[in-house]
Amino acid sequence: MSMDIIFLKRLEIETVIGIYDWEREIKQVVVLDIEMASDIRKAAATDHIDDTLDYKSVAKRLIQFVSESEFGLVETLAERITEIILTEFKVPWVKLVLNKRGAISGAEGVGIIIERGKKD
């Protein structure tokens, strides 16, 4: 079985994230890399946006959600992001890399990688 992937790379969004008092008072940048399963054959045949996963709509929704969120843990934020993609955009499988830049001195970033499917 073949699987097509539509991806968003290095989507940067400012949000309140973290468990420490100082983190609750500022916005930090999280960087998202997202892979989403999609069958692109119909879109390729029709050349019409309505027949594919509109990555611009996904990005706009996630920017709105993440920028307004105030979670303590990246785990919670990552889970909510994948739930939105799976349910609102009817994606059967998603892989998310969430990078919280600057969280650890000396490290480019820290974060989480999760994969979720409709059955998870």
N, C-alpha and C. Protein backbone atom coordinates (compact mmCIF):
# COMPACT_ATOMS: atom_id res chain seq x y z
N MET A 1 0.84 -1.18 0.00
CA MET A 1 0.00 0.00 0.00
C MET A 1 0.89 1.25 0.00
N SER A 2 0.58 2.19 -0.86
CA SER A 2 1.35 3.42 -0.90
C SER A 2 0.65 4.50 -0.08
N MET A 3 1.44 5.43 0.40
CA MET A 3 0.88 6.53 1.18
C MET A 3 1.54 7.83 0.71
N ASP A 4 0.71 8.81 0.40
CA ASP A 4 1.21 10.12 0.04
C ASP A 4 1.29 10.97 1.31
N ILE A 5 2.27 11.85 1.34
CA ILE A 5 2.49 12.70 2.52
C ILE A 5 2.46 14.16 2.08
N ILE A 6 1.63 14.94 2.75
CA ILE A 6 1.66 16.40 2.61
C ILE A 6 2.31 16.92 3.88
N PHE A 7 3.28 17.83 3.74
CA PHE A 7 4.01 18.27 4.92
C PHE A 7 4.05 19.78 5.07
N LEU A 8 4.21 20.19 6.31
CA LEU A 8 4.50 21.57 6.68
C LEU A 8 5.83 21.54 7.42
N LYS A 9 6.78 22.34 7.00
CA LYS A 9 8.12 22.31 7.58
C LYS A 9 8.43 23.64 8.26
N ARG A 10 8.88 23.55 9.49
CA ARG A 10 9.36 24.69 10.27
C ARG A 10 8.32 25.81 10.39
N LEU A 11 7.11 25.42 10.74
CA LEU A 11 6.06 26.40 11.02
C LEU A 11 6.32 26.97 12.41
N GLU A 12 6.68 28.25 12.49
CA GLU A 12 7.04 28.89 13.75
C GLU A 12 5.85 29.66 14.30
N ILE A 13 5.51 29.39 15.57
CA ILE A 13 4.37 30.03 16.20
C ILE A 13 4.76 30.45 17.62
N GLU A 14 4.40 31.67 17.98
CA GLU A 14 4.64 32.15 19.35
C GLU A 14 3.47 31.73 20.24
N THR A 15 3.79 31.25 21.44
CA THR A 15 2.77 30.80 22.37
C THR A 15 3.28 30.85 23.81
N VAL A 16 2.35 30.80 24.73
CA VAL A 16 2.72 30.63 26.13
C VAL A 16 2.82 29.12 26.36
N ILE A 17 4.02 28.67 26.75
CA ILE A 17 4.24 27.23 26.98
C ILE A 17 5.29 27.07 28.06
N GLY A 18 5.02 26.23 29.04
CA GLY A 18 6.01 25.98 30.07
C GLY A 18 5.39 25.92 31.46
N ILE A 19 6.16 25.36 32.37
CA ILE A 19 5.66 25.14 33.73
C ILE A 19 6.20 26.15 34.74
N TYR A 20 7.23 26.90 34.36
CA TYR A 20 7.83 27.85 35.30
C TYR A 20 7.11 29.18 35.25
N ASP A 21 7.12 29.90 36.37
CA ASP A 21 6.42 31.19 36.46
C ASP A 21 6.83 32.15 35.34
N TRP A 22 8.14 32.23 35.07
CA TRP A 22 8.60 33.17 34.05
C TRP A 22 8.08 32.78 32.67
N GLU A 23 7.87 31.48 32.45
CA GLU A 23 7.36 31.03 31.14
C GLU A 23 5.88 31.39 30.96
N ARG A 24 5.17 31.56 32.05
CA ARG A 24 3.75 31.90 31.98
C ARG A 24 3.54 33.37 31.62
N GLU A 25 4.62 34.17 31.70
CA GLU A 25 4.51 35.61 31.48
C GLU A 25 5.04 36.07 30.13
N ILE A 26 5.59 35.14 29.34
CA ILE A 26 6.15 35.50 28.04
C ILE A 26 5.64 34.55 26.97
N LYS A 27 5.88 34.93 25.72
CA LYS A 27 5.60 34.02 24.61
C LYS A 27 6.92 33.44 24.13
N GLN A 28 6.91 32.16 23.83
CA GLN A 28 8.09 31.49 23.29
C GLN A 28 7.73 30.92 21.92
N VAL A 29 8.74 30.67 21.12
CA VAL A 29 8.52 30.13 19.78
C VAL A 29 8.57 28.61 19.82
N VAL A 30 7.54 27.98 19.28
CA VAL A 30 7.60 26.55 19.01
C VAL A 30 7.65 26.38 17.50
N VAL A 31 8.39 25.37 17.07
CA VAL A 31 8.56 25.11 15.65
C VAL A 31 7.95 23.75 15.36
N LEU A 32 7.04 23.71 14.38
CA LEU A 32 6.34 22.47 14.04
C LEU A 32 6.79 21.94 12.69
N ASP A 33 7.09 20.66 12.65
CA ASP A 33 7.25 19.92 11.40
C ASP A 33 6.15 18.88 11.40
N ILE A 34 5.33 18.89 10.36
CA ILE A 34 4.15 18.03 10.32
C ILE A 34 4.11 17.25 9.02
N GLU A 35 3.87 15.95 9.14
CA GLU A 35 3.62 15.10 7.98
C GLU A 35 2.22 14.55 8.12
N MET A 36 1.43 14.63 7.04
CA MET A 36 0.04 14.19 7.07
C MET A 36 -0.23 13.27 5.90
N ALA A 37 -0.80 12.11 6.19
CA ALA A 37 -1.14 11.16 5.13
C ALA A 37 -2.31 11.71 4.33
N SER A 38 -2.21 11.57 3.02
CA SER A 38 -3.28 12.03 2.14
C SER A 38 -3.15 11.29 0.81
N ASP A 39 -4.27 10.97 0.23
CA ASP A 39 -4.26 10.37 -1.11
C ASP A 39 -4.40 11.51 -2.11
N ILE A 40 -3.33 11.81 -2.83
CA ILE A 40 -3.33 12.97 -3.72
C ILE A 40 -3.80 12.64 -5.14
N ARG A 41 -4.16 11.40 -5.41
CA ARG A 41 -4.48 11.01 -6.80
C ARG A 41 -5.65 11.79 -7.38
N LYS A 42 -6.72 12.00 -6.61
CA LYS A 42 -7.87 12.73 -7.14
C LYS A 42 -7.48 14.17 -7.46
N ALA A 43 -6.74 14.81 -6.56
CA ALA A 43 -6.29 16.18 -6.79
C ALA A 43 -5.38 16.27 -8.00
N ALA A 44 -4.52 15.28 -8.16
CA ALA A 44 -3.62 15.27 -9.31
C ALA A 44 -4.40 15.16 -10.62
N ALA A 45 -5.50 14.39 -10.58
CA ALA A 45 -6.32 14.21 -11.78
C ALA A 45 -7.15 15.46 -12.10
N THR A 46 -7.71 16.11 -11.06
CA THR A 46 -8.60 17.26 -11.28
C THR A 46 -7.87 18.59 -11.27
N ASP A 47 -6.70 18.64 -10.62
CA ASP A 47 -5.93 19.86 -10.46
C ASP A 47 -6.75 20.92 -9.70
N HIS A 48 -7.53 20.44 -8.72
CA HIS A 48 -8.40 21.36 -7.97
C HIS A 48 -8.13 21.23 -6.47
N ILE A 49 -8.04 22.38 -5.79
CA ILE A 49 -7.71 22.44 -4.36
C ILE A 49 -8.74 21.70 -3.49
N ASP A 50 -10.00 21.67 -3.91
CA ASP A 50 -11.03 21.00 -3.12
C ASP A 50 -10.82 19.49 -3.02
N ASP A 51 -9.96 18.95 -3.86
CA ASP A 51 -9.73 17.50 -3.89
C ASP A 51 -8.47 17.09 -3.15
N THR A 52 -7.92 17.97 -2.36
CA THR A 52 -6.71 17.65 -1.62
C THR A 52 -6.77 18.23 -0.21
N LEU A 53 -5.78 17.91 0.59
CA LEU A 53 -5.62 18.48 1.91
C LEU A 53 -5.00 19.86 1.74
N ASP A 54 -5.72 20.90 2.11
CA ASP A 54 -5.27 22.28 1.93
C ASP A 54 -4.31 22.65 3.07
N TYR A 55 -3.03 22.58 2.79
CA TYR A 55 -2.03 22.83 3.84
C TYR A 55 -2.08 24.26 4.35
N LYS A 56 -2.55 25.21 3.54
CA LYS A 56 -2.69 26.58 4.02
C LYS A 56 -3.77 26.66 5.09
N SER A 57 -4.87 25.95 4.90
CA SER A 57 -5.94 25.91 5.90
C SER A 57 -5.46 25.26 7.19
N VAL A 58 -4.67 24.18 7.06
CA VAL A 58 -4.11 23.52 8.24
C VAL A 58 -3.21 24.50 8.99
N ALA A 59 -2.32 25.17 8.27
CA ALA A 59 -1.40 26.11 8.90
C ALA A 59 -2.14 27.23 9.61
N LYS A 60 -3.13 27.82 8.95
CA LYS A 60 -3.90 28.92 9.55
C LYS A 60 -4.60 28.46 10.83
N ARG A 61 -5.18 27.27 10.80
CA ARG A 61 -5.88 26.74 11.98
C ARG A 61 -4.91 26.52 13.14
N LEU A 62 -3.75 25.94 12.84
CA LEU A 62 -2.77 25.66 13.88
C LEU A 62 -2.16 26.94 14.45
N ILE A 63 -1.90 27.93 13.60
CA ILE A 63 -1.38 29.21 14.07
C ILE A 63 -2.38 29.83 15.04
N GLN A 64 -3.65 29.81 14.67
CA GLN A 64 -4.70 30.37 15.53
C GLN A 64 -4.76 29.62 16.86
N PHE A 65 -4.79 28.29 16.80
CA PHE A 65 -4.91 27.48 18.01
C PHE A 65 -3.69 27.63 18.93
N VAL A 66 -2.50 27.43 18.37
CA VAL A 66 -1.28 27.43 19.18
C VAL A 66 -1.01 28.81 19.77
N SER A 67 -1.20 29.86 18.98
CA SER A 67 -0.90 31.20 19.48
C SER A 67 -1.82 31.61 20.61
N GLU A 68 -3.03 31.04 20.66
CA GLU A 68 -3.97 31.37 21.73
C GLU A 68 -3.89 30.41 22.92
N SER A 69 -3.14 29.32 22.78
CA SER A 69 -3.07 28.30 23.84
C SER A 69 -2.09 28.73 24.94
N GLU A 70 -2.26 28.10 26.11
CA GLU A 70 -1.37 28.39 27.25
C GLU A 70 -1.11 27.10 28.03
N PHE A 71 -0.57 26.08 27.38
CA PHE A 71 -0.33 24.80 28.02
C PHE A 71 0.96 24.82 28.83
N GLY A 72 1.01 23.95 29.82
CA GLY A 72 2.22 23.79 30.60
C GLY A 72 3.23 22.89 29.91
N LEU A 73 2.75 21.81 29.33
CA LEU A 73 3.64 20.80 28.75
C LEU A 73 3.56 20.75 27.23
N VAL A 74 4.71 20.52 26.60
CA VAL A 74 4.72 20.34 25.14
C VAL A 74 3.95 19.08 24.76
N GLU A 75 3.91 18.10 25.66
CA GLU A 75 3.17 16.88 25.39
C GLU A 75 1.67 17.17 25.16
N THR A 76 1.13 18.03 26.00
CA THR A 76 -0.28 18.40 25.88
C THR A 76 -0.52 19.16 24.58
N LEU A 77 0.33 20.12 24.28
CA LEU A 77 0.19 20.89 23.05
C LEU A 77 0.29 19.98 21.83
N ALA A 78 1.25 19.07 21.83
CA ALA A 78 1.42 18.16 20.69
C ALA A 78 0.19 17.28 20.49
N GLU A 79 -0.35 16.76 21.57
CA GLU A 79 -1.54 15.91 21.48
C GLU A 79 -2.72 16.69 20.91
N ARG A 80 -2.92 17.91 21.36
CA ARG A 80 -4.04 18.72 20.88
C ARG A 80 -3.89 19.06 19.40
N ILE A 81 -2.67 19.36 18.98
CA ILE A 81 -2.41 19.66 17.56
C ILE A 81 -2.78 18.47 16.69
N THR A 82 -2.34 17.28 17.09
CA THR A 82 -2.63 16.10 16.26
C THR A 82 -4.13 15.80 16.27
N GLU A 83 -4.81 16.05 17.38
CA GLU A 83 -6.27 15.85 17.42
C GLU A 83 -6.97 16.76 16.42
N ILE A 84 -6.55 18.01 16.35
CA ILE A 84 -7.14 18.95 15.39
C ILE A 84 -6.94 18.46 13.97
N ILE A 85 -5.73 18.06 13.65
CA ILE A 85 -5.43 17.61 12.28
C ILE A 85 -6.25 16.37 11.92
N LEU A 86 -6.30 15.40 12.84
CA LEU A 86 -7.02 14.15 12.57
C LEU A 86 -8.52 14.37 12.44
N THR A 87 -9.10 15.19 13.29
CA THR A 87 -10.55 15.33 13.32
C THR A 87 -11.06 16.40 12.37
N GLU A 88 -10.49 17.58 12.42
CA GLU A 88 -11.01 18.68 11.62
C GLU A 88 -10.65 18.57 10.14
N PHE A 89 -9.52 17.94 9.84
CA PHE A 89 -9.08 17.84 8.45
C PHE A 89 -9.17 16.41 7.91
N LYS A 90 -9.72 15.52 8.72
CA LYS A 90 -9.98 14.13 8.32
C LYS A 90 -8.74 13.44 7.73
N VAL A 91 -7.63 13.65 8.42
CA VAL A 91 -6.37 13.03 8.03
C VAL A 91 -6.28 11.68 8.74
N PRO A 92 -5.94 10.60 8.04
CA PRO A 92 -5.90 9.29 8.69
C PRO A 92 -4.66 9.05 9.57
N TRP A 93 -3.58 9.80 9.31
CA TRP A 93 -2.32 9.61 10.04
C TRP A 93 -1.55 10.91 10.03
N VAL A 94 -0.92 11.23 11.16
CA VAL A 94 -0.10 12.44 11.25
C VAL A 94 1.14 12.17 12.10
N LYS A 95 2.23 12.78 11.69
CA LYS A 95 3.46 12.77 12.48
C LYS A 95 3.82 14.22 12.76
N LEU A 96 4.05 14.51 14.03
CA LEU A 96 4.36 15.88 14.46
C LEU A 96 5.69 15.91 15.20
N VAL A 97 6.55 16.83 14.80
CA VAL A 97 7.76 17.14 15.55
C VAL A 97 7.54 18.55 16.10
N LEU A 98 7.52 18.66 17.43
CA LEU A 98 7.33 19.95 18.09
C LEU A 98 8.63 20.31 18.78
N ASN A 99 9.26 21.39 18.35
CA ASN A 99 10.55 21.84 18.87
C ASN A 99 10.33 23.12 19.67
N LYS A 100 10.67 23.07 20.94
CA LYS A 100 10.60 24.25 21.80
C LYS A 100 12.01 24.83 21.87
N ARG A 101 12.26 25.78 20.98
CA ARG A 101 13.60 26.36 20.87
C ARG A 101 13.98 27.11 22.13
N GLY A 102 15.26 27.01 22.48
CA GLY A 102 15.77 27.79 23.59
C GLY A 102 15.38 27.29 24.97
N ALA A 103 14.75 26.14 25.06
CA ALA A 103 14.31 25.63 26.36
C ALA A 103 15.48 25.16 27.22
N ILE A 104 16.53 24.67 26.59
CA ILE A 104 17.71 24.19 27.30
C ILE A 104 18.93 24.95 26.78
N SER A 105 19.64 25.59 27.68
CA SER A 105 20.83 26.34 27.29
C SER A 105 21.83 25.41 26.61
N GLY A 106 22.33 25.84 25.46
CA GLY A 106 23.30 25.04 24.73
C GLY A 106 22.69 24.09 23.73
N ALA A 107 21.37 23.94 23.75
CA ALA A 107 20.69 23.05 22.80
C ALA A 107 19.89 23.88 21.81
N GLU A 108 19.89 23.47 20.56
CA GLU A 108 19.11 24.17 19.54
C GLU A 108 17.62 24.12 19.86
N GLY A 109 17.22 23.04 20.49
CA GLY A 109 15.82 22.92 20.87
C GLY A 109 15.59 21.59 21.57
N VAL A 110 14.44 21.49 22.18
CA VAL A 110 13.99 20.23 22.78
C VAL A 110 12.54 20.08 22.38
N GLY A 111 12.02 18.89 22.52
CA GLY A 111 10.62 18.74 22.16
C GLY A 111 10.17 17.31 22.15
N ILE A 112 9.25 17.07 21.25
CA ILE A 112 8.59 15.78 21.21
C ILE A 112 8.25 15.42 19.77
N ILE A 113 8.27 14.14 19.49
CA ILE A 113 7.83 13.61 18.20
C ILE A 113 6.71 12.62 18.49
N ILE A 114 5.55 12.83 17.88
CA ILE A 114 4.47 11.88 18.05
C ILE A 114 3.85 11.53 16.70
N GLU A 115 3.35 10.32 16.63
CA GLU A 115 2.59 9.86 15.47
C GLU A 115 1.23 9.40 15.98
N ARG A 116 0.19 9.80 15.27
CA ARG A 116 -1.16 9.40 15.63
C ARG A 116 -1.93 9.04 14.39
N GLY A 117 -2.82 8.07 14.55
CA GLY A 117 -3.73 7.69 13.49
C GLY A 117 -5.14 7.74 13.98
N LYS A 118 -6.08 7.56 13.10
CA LYS A 118 -7.50 7.61 13.46
C LYS A 118 -7.84 6.64 14.58
N LYS A 119 -7.14 5.50 14.66
CA LYS A 119 -7.48 4.46 15.63
C LYS A 119 -6.80 4.65 16.98
N ASP A 120 -5.86 5.61 17.07
CA ASP A 120 -5.11 5.81 18.33
C ASP A 120 -5.91 6.59 19.36
